[in-house]
Amino acid sequence: VQVVESGGGSVQAGDSMNLSCASSGTTFTINAMGWYRQAPDKERELVALITSGREHTTYGDSVKGRFAVSMDNSAYTVYLQMTDLKPEDTARYFCIANTWTGNIWGQGTQVTVSS
């Protein structure tokens, strides 16, 4: 499995932004997909996860109510809709695919929110 993120960029506080992550390869082995983020000098943290059957979603506390994760099962593509962005959301956002053989990470995409 490989995953590739798209989206990202620079916005103002209060703006919205969408990220997407497309997977390829043995996608039938994917259990869940989602997003983590890492800001400079901070640990990587959970943003959102969704199971491949879309039965369950999980969000990091700091993004609950502002971000929404969704998945196109037919394409094994995961989306992240981010609203009311804050400067503290500035980070590199990484796509993750949890598969039968482990986690696959994307290269990440930068999101910068200015006040």
PDB file of N, CA and C in Angstrom:
ATOM      1  N   VAL A   1       0.844  -1.198   0.000  1.00  0.00           N
ATOM      2  CA  VAL A   1       0.000   0.000   0.000  1.00  0.00           C
ATOM      3  C   VAL A   1       0.872   1.238   0.000  1.00  0.00           C
ATOM      4  N   GLN A   2       0.484   2.203  -0.784  1.00  0.00           N
ATOM      5  CA  GLN A   2       1.123   3.523  -0.756  1.00  0.00           C
ATOM      6  C   GLN A   2       0.021   4.564  -0.561  1.00  0.00           C
ATOM      7  N   VAL A   3       0.379   5.663   0.092  1.00  0.00           N
ATOM      8  CA  VAL A   3      -0.569   6.755   0.285  1.00  0.00           C
ATOM      9  C   VAL A   3       0.095   8.063  -0.109  1.00  0.00           C
ATOM     10  N   VAL A   4      -0.693   8.949  -0.705  1.00  0.00           N
ATOM     11  CA  VAL A   4      -0.186  10.236  -1.160  1.00  0.00           C
ATOM     12  C   VAL A   4      -1.183  11.314  -0.767  1.00  0.00           C
ATOM     13  N   GLU A   5      -0.695  12.298  -0.027  1.00  0.00           N
ATOM     14  CA  GLU A   5      -1.546  13.402   0.405  1.00  0.00           C
ATOM     15  C   GLU A   5      -1.600  14.490  -0.650  1.00  0.00           C
ATOM     16  N   SER A   6      -2.691  15.229  -0.620  1.00  0.00           N
ATOM     17  CA  SER A   6      -2.809  16.443  -1.427  1.00  0.00           C
ATOM     18  C   SER A   6      -3.602  17.467  -0.630  1.00  0.00           C
ATOM     19  N   GLY A   7      -3.442  18.718  -1.007  1.00  0.00           N
ATOM     20  CA  GLY A   7      -4.036  19.812  -0.258  1.00  0.00           C
ATOM     21  C   GLY A   7      -2.956  20.458   0.583  1.00  0.00           C
ATOM     22  N   GLY A   8      -3.364  21.239   1.534  1.00  0.00           N
ATOM     23  CA  GLY A   8      -2.415  21.943   2.361  1.00  0.00           C
ATOM     24  C   GLY A   8      -2.121  23.320   1.803  1.00  0.00           C
ATOM     25  N   GLY A   9      -1.360  24.067   2.555  1.00  0.00           N
ATOM     26  CA  GLY A   9      -1.015  25.425   2.150  1.00  0.00           C
ATOM     27  C   GLY A   9      -1.139  26.376   3.317  1.00  0.00           C
ATOM     28  N   SER A  10      -1.293  27.639   3.004  1.00  0.00           N
ATOM     29  CA  SER A  10      -1.354  28.679   4.028  1.00  0.00           C
ATOM     30  C   SER A  10      -2.715  29.362   4.005  1.00  0.00           C
ATOM     31  N   VAL A  11      -3.291  29.541   5.191  1.00  0.00           N
ATOM     32  CA  VAL A  11      -4.587  30.199   5.325  1.00  0.00           C
ATOM     33  C   VAL A  11      -4.547  31.125   6.538  1.00  0.00           C
ATOM     34  N   GLN A  12      -5.627  31.882   6.671  1.00  0.00           N
ATOM     35  CA  GLN A  12      -5.796  32.750   7.820  1.00  0.00           C
ATOM     36  C   GLN A  12      -6.623  32.034   8.880  1.00  0.00           C
ATOM     37  N   ALA A  13      -6.460  32.464  10.119  1.00  0.00           N
ATOM     38  CA  ALA A  13      -7.269  31.911  11.202  1.00  0.00           C
ATOM     39  C   ALA A  13      -8.748  32.093  10.891  1.00  0.00           C
ATOM     40  N   GLY A  14      -9.509  31.045  11.168  1.00  0.00           N
ATOM     41  CA  GLY A  14     -10.937  31.062  10.890  1.00  0.00           C
ATOM     42  C   GLY A  14     -11.311  30.488   9.534  1.00  0.00           C
ATOM     43  N   ASP A  15     -10.330  30.318   8.668  1.00  0.00           N
ATOM     44  CA  ASP A  15     -10.576  29.761   7.335  1.00  0.00           C
ATOM     45  C   ASP A  15     -10.776  28.256   7.413  1.00  0.00           C
ATOM     46  N   SER A  16     -11.134  27.694   6.272  1.00  0.00           N
ATOM     47  CA  SER A  16     -11.303  26.247   6.134  1.00  0.00           C
ATOM     48  C   SER A  16     -10.330  25.713   5.098  1.00  0.00           C
ATOM     49  N   MET A  17     -10.065  24.433   5.181  1.00  0.00           N
ATOM     50  CA  MET A  17      -9.160  23.797   4.233  1.00  0.00           C
ATOM     51  C   MET A  17      -9.482  22.311   4.185  1.00  0.00           C
ATOM     52  N   ASN A  18      -9.317  21.717   3.013  1.00  0.00           N
ATOM     53  CA  ASN A  18      -9.545  20.284   2.854  1.00  0.00           C
ATOM     54  C   ASN A  18      -8.264  19.583   2.453  1.00  0.00           C
ATOM     55  N   LEU A  19      -8.028  18.436   3.036  1.00  0.00           N
ATOM     56  CA  LEU A  19      -6.925  17.569   2.653  1.00  0.00           C
ATOM     57  C   LEU A  19      -7.498  16.259   2.117  1.00  0.00           C
ATOM     58  N   SER A  20      -6.766  15.633   1.243  1.00  0.00           N
ATOM     59  CA  SER A  20      -7.161  14.318   0.771  1.00  0.00           C
ATOM     60  C   SER A  20      -5.941  13.412   0.713  1.00  0.00           C
ATOM     61  N   CYS A  21      -6.193  12.126   0.760  1.00  0.00           N
ATOM     62  CA  CYS A  21      -5.124  11.135   0.737  1.00  0.00           C
ATOM     63  C   CYS A  21      -5.591   9.941  -0.065  1.00  0.00           C
ATOM     64  N   ALA A  22      -4.918   9.681  -1.148  1.00  0.00           N
ATOM     65  CA  ALA A  22      -5.274   8.568  -2.016  1.00  0.00           C
ATOM     66  C   ALA A  22      -4.341   7.397  -1.764  1.00  0.00           C
ATOM     67  N   SER A  23      -4.912   6.210  -1.723  1.00  0.00           N
ATOM     68  CA  SER A  23      -4.108   5.020  -1.526  1.00  0.00           C
ATOM     69  C   SER A  23      -4.066   4.203  -2.808  1.00  0.00           C
ATOM     70  N   SER A  24      -3.060   3.366  -2.900  1.00  0.00           N
ATOM     71  CA  SER A  24      -2.914   2.472  -4.046  1.00  0.00           C
ATOM     72  C   SER A  24      -2.240   1.193  -3.584  1.00  0.00           C
ATOM     73  N   GLY A  25      -2.227   0.228  -4.453  1.00  0.00           N
ATOM     74  CA  GLY A  25      -1.632  -1.058  -4.101  1.00  0.00           C
ATOM     75  C   GLY A  25      -2.686  -2.007  -3.571  1.00  0.00           C
ATOM     76  N   THR A  26      -2.305  -2.781  -2.573  1.00  0.00           N
ATOM     77  CA  THR A  26      -3.216  -3.789  -2.021  1.00  0.00           C
ATOM     78  C   THR A  26      -4.184  -3.143  -1.031  1.00  0.00           C
ATOM     79  N   THR A  27      -5.062  -2.310  -1.555  1.00  0.00           N
ATOM     80  CA  THR A  27      -5.940  -1.510  -0.693  1.00  0.00           C
ATOM     81  C   THR A  27      -6.936  -2.367   0.090  1.00  0.00           C
ATOM     82  N   PHE A  28      -7.165  -3.606  -0.367  1.00  0.00           N
ATOM     83  CA  PHE A  28      -8.102  -4.463   0.354  1.00  0.00           C
ATOM     84  C   PHE A  28      -7.570  -4.840   1.737  1.00  0.00           C
ATOM     85  N   THR A  29      -6.290  -4.577   1.974  1.00  0.00           N
ATOM     86  CA  THR A  29      -5.695  -4.873   3.284  1.00  0.00           C
ATOM     87  C   THR A  29      -5.827  -3.721   4.274  1.00  0.00           C
ATOM     88  N   ILE A  30      -6.429  -2.628   3.845  1.00  0.00           N
ATOM     89  CA  ILE A  30      -6.542  -1.453   4.711  1.00  0.00           C
ATOM     90  C   ILE A  30      -7.675  -1.626   5.714  1.00  0.00           C
ATOM     91  N   ASN A  31      -7.356  -1.458   6.987  1.00  0.00           N
ATOM     92  CA  ASN A  31      -8.349  -1.520   8.055  1.00  0.00           C
ATOM     93  C   ASN A  31      -8.929  -0.141   8.361  1.00  0.00           C
ATOM     94  N   ALA A  32      -8.087   0.859   8.282  1.00  0.00           N
ATOM     95  CA  ALA A  32      -8.500   2.212   8.626  1.00  0.00           C
ATOM     96  C   ALA A  32      -7.528   3.196   7.988  1.00  0.00           C
ATOM     97  N   MET A  33      -7.990   4.404   7.806  1.00  0.00           N
ATOM     98  CA  MET A  33      -7.128   5.481   7.296  1.00  0.00           C
ATOM     99  C   MET A  33      -7.386   6.735   8.110  1.00  0.00           C
ATOM    100  N   GLY A  34      -6.464   7.654   8.019  1.00  0.00           N
ATOM    101  CA  GLY A  34      -6.691   8.888   8.752  1.00  0.00           C
ATOM    102  C   GLY A  34      -5.509   9.810   8.683  1.00  0.00           C
ATOM    103  N   TRP A  35      -5.446  10.663   9.717  1.00  0.00           N
ATOM    104  CA  TRP A  35      -4.458  11.735   9.725  1.00  0.00           C
ATOM    105  C   TRP A  35      -3.831  11.909  11.101  1.00  0.00           C
ATOM    106  N   TYR A  36      -2.553  12.172  11.081  1.00  0.00           N
ATOM    107  CA  TYR A  36      -1.803  12.645  12.235  1.00  0.00           C
ATOM    108  C   TYR A  36      -1.149  13.954  11.828  1.00  0.00           C
ATOM    109  N   ARG A  37      -0.681  14.693  12.800  1.00  0.00           N
ATOM    110  CA  ARG A  37       0.056  15.920  12.498  1.00  0.00           C
ATOM    111  C   ARG A  37       1.220  16.086  13.456  1.00  0.00           C
ATOM    112  N   GLN A  38       2.193  16.841  13.006  1.00  0.00           N
ATOM    113  CA  GLN A  38       3.362  17.102  13.838  1.00  0.00           C
ATOM    114  C   GLN A  38       3.820  18.531  13.618  1.00  0.00           C
ATOM    115  N   ALA A  39       3.857  19.274  14.701  1.00  0.00           N
ATOM    116  CA  ALA A  39       4.362  20.639  14.675  1.00  0.00           C
ATOM    117  C   ALA A  39       5.833  20.609  15.088  1.00  0.00           C
ATOM    118  N   PRO A  40       6.586  21.635  14.727  1.00  0.00           N
ATOM    119  CA  PRO A  40       8.009  21.680  15.107  1.00  0.00           C
ATOM    120  C   PRO A  40       8.204  21.503  16.606  1.00  0.00           C
ATOM    121  N   ASP A  41       9.116  20.665  16.962  1.00  0.00           N
ATOM    122  CA  ASP A  41       9.482  20.411  18.361  1.00  0.00           C
ATOM    123  C   ASP A  41       8.353  19.786  19.171  1.00  0.00           C
ATOM    124  N   LYS A  42       7.384  19.187  18.493  1.00  0.00           N
ATOM    125  CA  LYS A  42       6.299  18.497  19.192  1.00  0.00           C
ATOM    126  C   LYS A  42       6.169  17.080  18.677  1.00  0.00           C
ATOM    127  N   GLU A  43       5.542  16.226  19.482  1.00  0.00           N
ATOM    128  CA  GLU A  43       5.329  14.858  19.067  1.00  0.00           C
ATOM    129  C   GLU A  43       4.203  14.780  18.041  1.00  0.00           C
ATOM    130  N   ARG A  44       4.246  13.724  17.243  1.00  0.00           N
ATOM    131  CA  ARG A  44       3.165  13.499  16.291  1.00  0.00           C
ATOM    132  C   ARG A  44       1.893  13.161  17.072  1.00  0.00           C
ATOM    133  N   GLU A  45       0.773  13.771  16.678  1.00  0.00           N
ATOM    134  CA  GLU A  45      -0.464  13.554  17.401  1.00  0.00           C
ATOM    135  C   GLU A  45      -1.599  13.161  16.466  1.00  0.00           C
ATOM    136  N   LEU A  46      -2.535  12.424  17.014  1.00  0.00           N
ATOM    137  CA  LEU A  46      -3.703  12.001  16.259  1.00  0.00           C
ATOM    138  C   LEU A  46      -4.573  13.195  15.896  1.00  0.00           C
ATOM    139  N   VAL A  47      -5.002  13.222  14.629  1.00  0.00           N
ATOM    140  CA  VAL A  47      -6.002  14.193  14.196  1.00  0.00           C
ATOM    141  C   VAL A  47      -7.344  13.482  14.047  1.00  0.00           C
ATOM    142  N   ALA A  48      -7.391  12.495  13.171  1.00  0.00           N
ATOM    143  CA  ALA A  48      -8.656  11.777  12.944  1.00  0.00           C
ATOM    144  C   ALA A  48      -8.376  10.452  12.256  1.00  0.00           C
ATOM    145  N   LEU A  49      -9.196   9.460  12.574  1.00  0.00           N
ATOM    146  CA  LEU A  49      -9.119   8.158  11.946  1.00  0.00           C
ATOM    147  C   LEU A  49     -10.517   7.697  11.578  1.00  0.00           C
ATOM    148  N   ILE A  50     -10.631   6.882  10.532  1.00  0.00           N
ATOM    149  CA  ILE A  50     -11.906   6.310  10.137  1.00  0.00           C
ATOM    150  C   ILE A  50     -11.660   4.886   9.672  1.00  0.00           C
ATOM    151  N   THR A  51     -12.526   3.973  10.085  1.00  0.00           N
ATOM    152  CA  THR A  51     -12.369   2.595   9.652  1.00  0.00           C
ATOM    153  C   THR A  51     -12.790   2.469   8.189  1.00  0.00           C
ATOM    154  N   SER A  52     -12.283   1.453   7.522  1.00  0.00           N
ATOM    155  CA  SER A  52     -12.512   1.327   6.088  1.00  0.00           C
ATOM    156  C   SER A  52     -13.988   1.122   5.756  1.00  0.00           C
ATOM    157  N   GLY A  53     -14.748   0.562   6.691  1.00  0.00           N
ATOM    158  CA  GLY A  53     -16.182   0.427   6.482  1.00  0.00           C
ATOM    159  C   GLY A  53     -16.962   1.633   6.951  1.00  0.00           C
ATOM    160  N   ARG A  54     -16.247   2.637   7.399  1.00  0.00           N
ATOM    161  CA  ARG A  54     -16.816   3.909   7.873  1.00  0.00           C
ATOM    162  C   ARG A  54     -17.691   3.738   9.103  1.00  0.00           C
ATOM    163  N   GLU A  55     -17.454   2.633   9.840  1.00  0.00           N
ATOM    164  CA  GLU A  55     -18.295   2.410  11.030  1.00  0.00           C
ATOM    165  C   GLU A  55     -17.868   3.297  12.189  1.00  0.00           C
ATOM    166  N   HIS A  56     -16.581   3.565  12.272  1.00  0.00           N
ATOM    167  CA  HIS A  56     -16.082   4.287  13.433  1.00  0.00           C
ATOM    168  C   HIS A  56     -15.142   5.403  13.023  1.00  0.00           C
ATOM    169  N   THR A  57     -15.233   6.515  13.751  1.00  0.00           N
ATOM    170  CA  THR A  57     -14.302   7.619  13.599  1.00  0.00           C
ATOM    171  C   THR A  57     -13.752   7.976  14.967  1.00  0.00           C
ATOM    172  N   THR A  58     -12.540   8.457  14.967  1.00  0.00           N
ATOM    173  CA  THR A  58     -11.882   8.901  16.191  1.00  0.00           C
ATOM    174  C   THR A  58     -11.216  10.227  15.904  1.00  0.00           C
ATOM    175  N   TYR A  59     -11.316  11.158  16.854  1.00  0.00           N
ATOM    176  CA  TYR A  59     -10.723  12.479  16.676  1.00  0.00           C
ATOM    177  C   TYR A  59      -9.832  12.835  17.859  1.00  0.00           C
ATOM    178  N   GLY A  60      -8.809  13.590  17.563  1.00  0.00           N
ATOM    179  CA  GLY A  60      -8.013  14.168  18.631  1.00  0.00           C
ATOM    180  C   GLY A  60      -8.827  15.244  19.342  1.00  0.00           C
ATOM    181  N   ASP A  61      -8.583  15.411  20.620  1.00  0.00           N
ATOM    182  CA  ASP A  61      -9.380  16.345  21.411  1.00  0.00           C
ATOM    183  C   ASP A  61      -9.325  17.768  20.862  1.00  0.00           C
ATOM    184  N   SER A  62      -8.182  18.154  20.347  1.00  0.00           N
ATOM    185  CA  SER A  62      -8.010  19.544  19.920  1.00  0.00           C
ATOM    186  C   SER A  62      -8.755  19.884  18.632  1.00  0.00           C
ATOM    187  N   VAL A  63      -9.245  18.878  17.922  1.00  0.00           N
ATOM    188  CA  VAL A  63      -9.915  19.152  16.647  1.00  0.00           C
ATOM    189  C   VAL A  63     -11.389  18.762  16.652  1.00  0.00           C
ATOM    190  N   LYS A  64     -11.851  18.167  17.746  1.00  0.00           N
ATOM    191  CA  LYS A  64     -13.259  17.746  17.805  1.00  0.00           C
ATOM    192  C   LYS A  64     -14.176  18.931  17.592  1.00  0.00           C
ATOM    193  N   GLY A  65     -15.165  18.724  16.739  1.00  0.00           N
ATOM    194  CA  GLY A  65     -16.126  19.776  16.448  1.00  0.00           C
ATOM    195  C   GLY A  65     -15.697  20.715  15.339  1.00  0.00           C
ATOM    196  N   ARG A  66     -14.425  20.648  14.941  1.00  0.00           N
ATOM    197  CA  ARG A  66     -13.941  21.539  13.876  1.00  0.00           C
ATOM    198  C   ARG A  66     -13.516  20.772  12.630  1.00  0.00           C
ATOM    199  N   PHE A  67     -13.009  19.582  12.827  1.00  0.00           N
ATOM    200  CA  PHE A  67     -12.523  18.777  11.703  1.00  0.00           C
ATOM    201  C   PHE A  67     -13.454  17.591  11.484  1.00  0.00           C
ATOM    202  N   ALA A  68     -13.551  17.150  10.245  1.00  0.00           N
ATOM    203  CA  ALA A  68     -14.357  15.979   9.920  1.00  0.00           C
ATOM    204  C   ALA A  68     -13.601  15.087   8.952  1.00  0.00           C
ATOM    205  N   VAL A  69     -13.553  13.802   9.259  1.00  0.00           N
ATOM    206  CA  VAL A  69     -12.878  12.829   8.405  1.00  0.00           C
ATOM    207  C   VAL A  69     -13.930  12.008   7.671  1.00  0.00           C
ATOM    208  N   SER A  70     -13.659  11.716   6.426  1.00  0.00           N
ATOM    209  CA  SER A  70     -14.557  10.884   5.639  1.00  0.00           C
ATOM    210  C   SER A  70     -13.732  10.023   4.696  1.00  0.00           C
ATOM    211  N   MET A  71     -14.394   9.030   4.112  1.00  0.00           N
ATOM    212  CA  MET A  71     -13.651   8.094   3.267  1.00  0.00           C
ATOM    213  C   MET A  71     -14.506   7.640   2.107  1.00  0.00           C
ATOM    214  N   ASP A  72     -13.888   7.587   0.967  1.00  0.00           N
ATOM    215  CA  ASP A  72     -14.509   7.031  -0.228  1.00  0.00           C
ATOM    216  C   ASP A  72     -14.031   5.590  -0.331  1.00  0.00           C
ATOM    217  N   ASN A  73     -14.894   4.677   0.034  1.00  0.00           N
ATOM    218  CA  ASN A  73     -14.472   3.276   0.083  1.00  0.00           C
ATOM    219  C   ASN A  73     -14.072   2.734  -1.279  1.00  0.00           C
ATOM    220  N   SER A  74     -14.767   3.169  -2.294  1.00  0.00           N
ATOM    221  CA  SER A  74     -14.483   2.614  -3.619  1.00  0.00           C
ATOM    222  C   SER A  74     -13.091   2.994  -4.086  1.00  0.00           C
ATOM    223  N   ALA A  75     -12.623   4.138  -3.660  1.00  0.00           N
ATOM    224  CA  ALA A  75     -11.306   4.611  -4.096  1.00  0.00           C
ATOM    225  C   ALA A  75     -10.267   4.534  -2.982  1.00  0.00           C
ATOM    226  N   TYR A  76     -10.694   4.101  -1.788  1.00  0.00           N
ATOM    227  CA  TYR A  76      -9.803   4.104  -0.625  1.00  0.00           C
ATOM    228  C   TYR A  76      -9.073   5.434  -0.523  1.00  0.00           C
ATOM    229  N   THR A  77      -9.852   6.475  -0.571  1.00  0.00           N
ATOM    230  CA  THR A  77      -9.335   7.820  -0.396  1.00  0.00           C
ATOM    231  C   THR A  77      -9.957   8.408   0.862  1.00  0.00           C
ATOM    232  N   VAL A  78      -9.138   9.034   1.672  1.00  0.00           N
ATOM    233  CA  VAL A  78      -9.635   9.636   2.900  1.00  0.00           C
ATOM    234  C   VAL A  78      -9.514  11.148   2.803  1.00  0.00           C
ATOM    235  N   TYR A  79     -10.487  11.825   3.368  1.00  0.00           N
ATOM    236  CA  TYR A  79     -10.556  13.277   3.306  1.00  0.00           C
ATOM    237  C   TYR A  79     -10.567  13.856   4.711  1.00  0.00           C
ATOM    238  N   LEU A  80     -10.055  15.051   4.831  1.00  0.00           N
ATOM    239  CA  LEU A  80     -10.109  15.768   6.102  1.00  0.00           C
ATOM    240  C   LEU A  80     -10.608  17.177   5.818  1.00  0.00           C
ATOM    241  N   GLN A  81     -11.800  17.462   6.322  1.00  0.00           N
ATOM    242  CA  GLN A  81     -12.356  18.806   6.205  1.00  0.00           C
ATOM    243  C   GLN A  81     -12.038  19.550   7.491  1.00  0.00           C
ATOM    244  N   MET A  82     -11.315  20.637   7.359  1.00  0.00           N
ATOM    245  CA  MET A  82     -10.885  21.417   8.514  1.00  0.00           C
ATOM    246  C   MET A  82     -11.562  22.780   8.474  1.00  0.00           C
ATOM    247  N   THR A  83     -12.253  23.126   9.528  1.00  0.00           N
ATOM    248  CA  THR A  83     -12.925  24.416   9.619  1.00  0.00           C
ATOM    249  C   THR A  83     -12.435  25.174  10.843  1.00  0.00           C
ATOM    250  N   ASP A  84     -12.694  26.467  10.857  1.00  0.00           N
ATOM    251  CA  ASP A  84     -12.301  27.313  11.985  1.00  0.00           C
ATOM    252  C   ASP A  84     -10.850  27.057  12.378  1.00  0.00           C
ATOM    253  N   LEU A  85      -9.982  27.096  11.405  1.00  0.00           N
ATOM    254  CA  LEU A  85      -8.573  26.802  11.657  1.00  0.00           C
ATOM    255  C   LEU A  85      -7.954  27.835  12.575  1.00  0.00           C
ATOM    256  N   LYS A  86      -7.053  27.358  13.412  1.00  0.00           N
ATOM    257  CA  LYS A  86      -6.380  28.199  14.393  1.00  0.00           C
ATOM    258  C   LYS A  86      -4.876  28.139  14.158  1.00  0.00           C
ATOM    259  N   PRO A  87      -4.145  29.133  14.604  1.00  0.00           N
ATOM    260  CA  PRO A  87      -2.681  29.079  14.437  1.00  0.00           C
ATOM    261  C   PRO A  87      -2.066  27.810  15.034  1.00  0.00           C
ATOM    262  N   GLU A  88      -2.655  27.301  16.105  1.00  0.00           N
ATOM    263  CA  GLU A  88      -2.109  26.088  16.718  1.00  0.00           C
ATOM    264  C   GLU A  88      -2.375  24.830  15.882  1.00  0.00           C
ATOM    265  N   ASP A  89      -3.135  24.953  14.802  1.00  0.00           N
ATOM    266  CA  ASP A  89      -3.308  23.845  13.877  1.00  0.00           C
ATOM    267  C   ASP A  89      -2.151  23.759  12.886  1.00  0.00           C
ATOM    268  N   THR A  90      -1.281  24.731  12.910  1.00  0.00           N
ATOM    269  CA  THR A  90      -0.120  24.721  12.021  1.00  0.00           C
ATOM    270  C   THR A  90       0.745  23.512  12.308  1.00  0.00           C
ATOM    271  N   ALA A  91       0.965  22.708  11.279  1.00  0.00           N
ATOM    272  CA  ALA A  91       1.737  21.472  11.439  1.00  0.00           C
ATOM    273  C   ALA A  91       1.894  20.810  10.078  1.00  0.00           C
ATOM    274  N   ARG A  92       2.684  19.772  10.069  1.00  0.00           N
ATOM    275  CA  ARG A  92       2.740  18.910   8.885  1.00  0.00           C
ATOM    276  C   ARG A  92       1.744  17.783   9.126  1.00  0.00           C
ATOM    277  N   TYR A  93       0.839  17.584   8.192  1.00  0.00           N
ATOM    278  CA  TYR A  93      -0.219  16.599   8.328  1.00  0.00           C
ATOM    279  C   TYR A  93       0.144  15.349   7.523  1.00  0.00           C
ATOM    280  N   PHE A  94       0.125  14.226   8.205  1.00  0.00           N
ATOM    281  CA  PHE A  94       0.508  12.956   7.601  1.00  0.00           C
ATOM    282  C   PHE A  94      -0.699  12.045   7.470  1.00  0.00           C
ATOM    283  N   CYS A  95      -0.826  11.450   6.305  1.00  0.00           N
ATOM    284  CA  CYS A  95      -1.845  10.429   6.100  1.00  0.00           C
ATOM    285  C   CYS A  95      -1.317   9.088   6.602  1.00  0.00           C
ATOM    286  N   ILE A  96      -2.203   8.305   7.178  1.00  0.00           N
ATOM    287  CA  ILE A  96      -1.834   6.975   7.656  1.00  0.00           C
ATOM    288  C   ILE A  96      -2.848   5.972   7.160  1.00  0.00           C
ATOM    289  N   ALA A  97      -2.353   4.824   6.743  1.00  0.00           N
ATOM    290  CA  ALA A  97      -3.206   3.690   6.410  1.00  0.00           C
ATOM    291  C   ALA A  97      -2.793   2.528   7.307  1.00  0.00           C
ATOM    292  N   ASN A  98      -3.732   2.062   8.092  1.00  0.00           N
ATOM    293  CA  ASN A  98      -3.463   0.898   8.937  1.00  0.00           C
ATOM    294  C   ASN A  98      -3.853  -0.342   8.156  1.00  0.00           C
ATOM    295  N   THR A  99      -2.895  -1.204   7.891  1.00  0.00           N
ATOM    296  CA  THR A  99      -3.137  -2.373   7.052  1.00  0.00           C
ATOM    297  C   THR A  99      -2.898  -3.663   7.829  1.00  0.00           C
ATOM    298  N   TRP A 100      -3.154  -4.773   7.159  1.00  0.00           N
ATOM    299  CA  TRP A 100      -2.948  -6.077   7.798  1.00  0.00           C
ATOM    300  C   TRP A 100      -1.511  -6.262   8.261  1.00  0.00           C
ATOM    301  N   THR A 101      -0.572  -5.562   7.614  1.00  0.00           N
ATOM    302  CA  THR A 101       0.842  -5.774   7.917  1.00  0.00           C
ATOM    303  C   THR A 101       1.485  -4.597   8.615  1.00  0.00           C
ATOM    304  N   GLY A 102       0.700  -3.608   8.996  1.00  0.00           N
ATOM    305  CA  GLY A 102       1.262  -2.474   9.721  1.00  0.00           C
ATOM    306  C   GLY A 102       0.781  -1.140   9.182  1.00  0.00           C
ATOM    307  N   ASN A 103       1.372  -0.086   9.699  1.00  0.00           N
ATOM    308  CA  ASN A 103       0.986   1.271   9.306  1.00  0.00           C
ATOM    309  C   ASN A 103       1.837   1.774   8.155  1.00  0.00           C
ATOM    310  N   ILE A 104       1.172   2.422   7.213  1.00  0.00           N
ATOM    311  CA  ILE A 104       1.837   3.056   6.089  1.00  0.00           C
ATOM    312  C   ILE A 104       1.633   4.556   6.207  1.00  0.00           C
ATOM    313  N   TRP A 105       2.708   5.296   6.092  1.00  0.00           N
ATOM    314  CA  TRP A 105       2.658   6.755   6.234  1.00  0.00           C
ATOM    315  C   TRP A 105       2.938   7.443   4.915  1.00  0.00           C
ATOM    316  N   GLY A 106       2.279   8.588   4.720  1.00  0.00           N
ATOM    317  CA  GLY A 106       2.594   9.440   3.595  1.00  0.00           C
ATOM    318  C   GLY A 106       3.732  10.375   3.942  1.00  0.00           C
ATOM    319  N   GLN A 107       4.123  11.174   2.968  1.00  0.00           N
ATOM    320  CA  GLN A 107       5.228  12.112   3.170  1.00  0.00           C
ATOM    321  C   GLN A 107       4.799  13.341   3.956  1.00  0.00           C
ATOM    322  N   GLY A 108       3.503  13.580   3.974  1.00  0.00           N
ATOM    323  CA  GLY A 108       2.988  14.727   4.720  1.00  0.00           C
ATOM    324  C   GLY A 108       2.767  15.940   3.839  1.00  0.00           C
ATOM    325  N   THR A 109       1.901  16.811   4.323  1.00  0.00           N
ATOM    326  CA  THR A 109       1.634  18.076   3.638  1.00  0.00           C
ATOM    327  C   THR A 109       1.546  19.173   4.698  1.00  0.00           C
ATOM    328  N   GLN A 110       2.123  20.314   4.393  1.00  0.00           N
ATOM    329  CA  GLN A 110       2.207  21.389   5.377  1.00  0.00           C
ATOM    330  C   GLN A 110       0.924  22.212   5.395  1.00  0.00           C
ATOM    331  N   VAL A 111       0.437  22.475   6.584  1.00  0.00           N
ATOM    332  CA  VAL A 111      -0.688  23.390   6.793  1.00  0.00           C
ATOM    333  C   VAL A 111      -0.209  24.497   7.713  1.00  0.00           C
ATOM    334  N   THR A 112      -0.330  25.717   7.254  1.00  0.00           N
ATOM    335  CA  THR A 112       0.105  26.875   8.033  1.00  0.00           C
ATOM    336  C   THR A 112      -1.066  27.824   8.212  1.00  0.00           C
ATOM    337  N   VAL A 113      -1.355  28.153   9.456  1.00  0.00           N
ATOM    338  CA  VAL A 113      -2.476  29.040   9.779  1.00  0.00           C
ATOM    339  C   VAL A 113      -1.915  30.278  10.459  1.00  0.00           C
ATOM    340  N   SER A 114      -2.143  31.415   9.877  1.00  0.00           N
ATOM    341  CA  SER A 114      -1.637  32.664  10.447  1.00  0.00           C
ATOM    342  C   SER A 114      -2.770  33.427  11.118  1.00  0.00           C
ATOM    343  N   SER A 115      -2.397  34.173  12.129  1.00  0.00           N
ATOM    344  CA  SER A 115      -3.407  34.918  12.900  1.00  0.00           C
ATOM    345  C   SER A 115      -3.675  36.285  12.298  1.00  0.00           C
TER     346      SER A 115
END
